[in-house]
Amino acid sequence: MPGDCVVDQTVDITDVVCPVTFVKAKVALEELDDGQVLSIRMNDGEPVRNVPRSIRDEGHEILKLIDNGDSTFSLIVRKG
């Protein structure tokens, strides 16, 4: 479990490329209730640069970005 957050759902978007990465993350967020937390596992590079910004623009809260040490990151998001 990442840090001190209780993660309600996890989605792995390492198998897709932008812009589908954000679409998959957005769909997963839509399935949650406001205030719930989603962990999004994504590849380093373009997804790490673009997905957090897009999610923030949608009104959600970025709690943390964790480097998994294997060229992937876990983005922890609270649905807004």
C-alpha atoms as a PDB file:
ATOM      1  CA  MET A   1       0.000   0.000   0.000  1.00  0.00           C
ATOM      2  CA  PRO A   2       1.540   3.327  -1.062  1.00  0.00           C
ATOM      3  CA  GLY A   3       2.438   5.558   1.843  1.00  0.00           C
ATOM      4  CA  ASP A   4      -0.346   6.263   4.321  1.00  0.00           C
ATOM      5  CA  CYS A   5      -3.152   6.391   1.744  1.00  0.00           C
ATOM      6  CA  VAL A   6      -5.910   3.826   1.595  1.00  0.00           C
ATOM      7  CA  VAL A   7      -6.229   2.980  -2.082  1.00  0.00           C
ATOM      8  CA  ASP A   8      -9.750   2.041  -3.141  1.00  0.00           C
ATOM      9  CA  GLN A   9      -8.878   0.897  -6.659  1.00  0.00           C
ATOM     10  CA  THR A  10      -5.809   0.346  -8.838  1.00  0.00           C
ATOM     11  CA  VAL A  11      -5.532   0.627 -12.614  1.00  0.00           C
ATOM     12  CA  ASP A  12      -2.501  -0.379 -14.675  1.00  0.00           C
ATOM     13  CA  ILE A  13      -2.063   1.689 -17.841  1.00  0.00           C
ATOM     14  CA  THR A  14       1.465   0.527 -18.666  1.00  0.00           C
ATOM     15  CA  ASP A  15       0.123  -1.416 -21.674  1.00  0.00           C
ATOM     16  CA  VAL A  16      -1.266   1.643 -23.515  1.00  0.00           C
ATOM     17  CA  VAL A  17       0.145   4.872 -24.957  1.00  0.00           C
ATOM     18  CA  CYS A  18      -1.010   8.493 -24.843  1.00  0.00           C
ATOM     19  CA  PRO A  19      -3.723   9.669 -25.223  1.00  0.00           C
ATOM     20  CA  VAL A  20      -5.317   6.335 -24.258  1.00  0.00           C
ATOM     21  CA  THR A  21      -3.438   6.440 -20.929  1.00  0.00           C
ATOM     22  CA  PHE A  22      -5.538   9.376 -19.724  1.00  0.00           C
ATOM     23  CA  VAL A  23      -8.751   7.861 -21.107  1.00  0.00           C
ATOM     24  CA  LYS A  24      -8.213   4.645 -19.112  1.00  0.00           C
ATOM     25  CA  ALA A  25      -7.341   6.632 -15.981  1.00  0.00           C
ATOM     26  CA  LYS A  26     -10.417   8.843 -16.416  1.00  0.00           C
ATOM     27  CA  VAL A  27     -12.732   5.839 -16.844  1.00  0.00           C
ATOM     28  CA  ALA A  28     -11.322   4.276 -13.660  1.00  0.00           C
ATOM     29  CA  LEU A  29     -11.875   7.544 -11.762  1.00  0.00           C
ATOM     30  CA  GLU A  30     -15.466   7.764 -13.012  1.00  0.00           C
ATOM     31  CA  GLU A  31     -16.175   4.407 -11.353  1.00  0.00           C
ATOM     32  CA  LEU A  32     -15.191   5.777  -7.930  1.00  0.00           C
ATOM     33  CA  ASP A  33     -17.177   7.910  -5.507  1.00  0.00           C
ATOM     34  CA  ASP A  34     -15.952  11.414  -4.656  1.00  0.00           C
ATOM     35  CA  GLY A  35     -13.164  11.219  -2.083  1.00  0.00           C
ATOM     36  CA  GLN A  36     -12.079   7.701  -2.990  1.00  0.00           C
ATOM     37  CA  VAL A  37      -8.443   7.075  -3.950  1.00  0.00           C
ATOM     38  CA  LEU A  38      -7.145   5.549  -7.176  1.00  0.00           C
ATOM     39  CA  SER A  39      -3.631   4.270  -7.809  1.00  0.00           C
ATOM     40  CA  ILE A  40      -2.629   4.551 -11.460  1.00  0.00           C
ATOM     41  CA  ARG A  41       0.428   2.536 -12.537  1.00  0.00           C
ATOM     42  CA  MET A  42       2.011   4.084 -15.618  1.00  0.00           C
ATOM     43  CA  ASN A  43       5.228   4.078 -17.595  1.00  0.00           C
ATOM     44  CA  ASP A  44       7.900   6.740 -17.179  1.00  0.00           C
ATOM     45  CA  GLY A  45       8.044   9.440 -19.833  1.00  0.00           C
ATOM     46  CA  GLU A  46       5.039  10.932 -21.586  1.00  0.00           C
ATOM     47  CA  PRO A  47       2.387   9.413 -19.261  1.00  0.00           C
ATOM     48  CA  VAL A  48       4.157  10.774 -16.158  1.00  0.00           C
ATOM     49  CA  ARG A  49       4.295  14.233 -17.748  1.00  0.00           C
ATOM     50  CA  ASN A  50       0.745  14.310 -19.116  1.00  0.00           C
ATOM     51  CA  VAL A  51      -1.595  12.157 -17.022  1.00  0.00           C
ATOM     52  CA  PRO A  52      -1.148  14.019 -13.691  1.00  0.00           C
ATOM     53  CA  ARG A  53      -1.742  17.376 -15.373  1.00  0.00           C
ATOM     54  CA  SER A  54      -4.850  16.122 -17.170  1.00  0.00           C
ATOM     55  CA  ILE A  55      -6.244  14.583 -13.982  1.00  0.00           C
ATOM     56  CA  ARG A  56      -5.630  17.819 -12.054  1.00  0.00           C
ATOM     57  CA  ASP A  57      -7.369  19.760 -14.844  1.00  0.00           C
ATOM     58  CA  GLU A  58     -10.396  17.476 -14.361  1.00  0.00           C
ATOM     59  CA  GLY A  59     -10.610  18.641 -10.735  1.00  0.00           C
ATOM     60  CA  HIS A  60      -9.049  15.669  -8.950  1.00  0.00           C
ATOM     61  CA  GLU A  61      -6.342  15.848  -6.273  1.00  0.00           C
ATOM     62  CA  ILE A  62      -2.886  14.411  -6.894  1.00  0.00           C
ATOM     63  CA  LEU A  63      -1.756  12.934  -3.578  1.00  0.00           C
ATOM     64  CA  LYS A  64       1.650  11.573  -4.621  1.00  0.00           C
ATOM     65  CA  LEU A  65       3.729  10.195  -7.453  1.00  0.00           C
ATOM     66  CA  ILE A  66       5.783   7.158  -6.483  1.00  0.00           C
ATOM     67  CA  ASP A  67       8.791   5.906  -8.464  1.00  0.00           C
ATOM     68  CA  ASN A  68       8.446   2.117  -8.474  1.00  0.00           C
ATOM     69  CA  GLY A  69      12.092   1.705  -9.503  1.00  0.00           C
ATOM     70  CA  ASP A  70      11.238  -0.326 -12.612  1.00  0.00           C
ATOM     71  CA  SER A  71      10.597   2.501 -15.110  1.00  0.00           C
ATOM     72  CA  THR A  72       7.016   2.745 -13.869  1.00  0.00           C
ATOM     73  CA  PHE A  73       5.342   5.179 -11.486  1.00  0.00           C
ATOM     74  CA  SER A  74       2.258   4.961  -9.316  1.00  0.00           C
ATOM     75  CA  LEU A  75       0.131   8.091  -9.303  1.00  0.00           C
ATOM     76  CA  ILE A  76      -2.131   8.301  -6.256  1.00  0.00           C
ATOM     77  CA  VAL A  77      -5.241  10.393  -6.944  1.00  0.00           C
ATOM     78  CA  ARG A  78      -8.230  11.393  -4.801  1.00  0.00           C
ATOM     79  CA  LYS A  79     -11.390  11.811  -6.842  1.00  0.00           C
ATOM     80  CA  GLY A  80     -12.676  15.376  -6.609  1.00  0.00           C
END
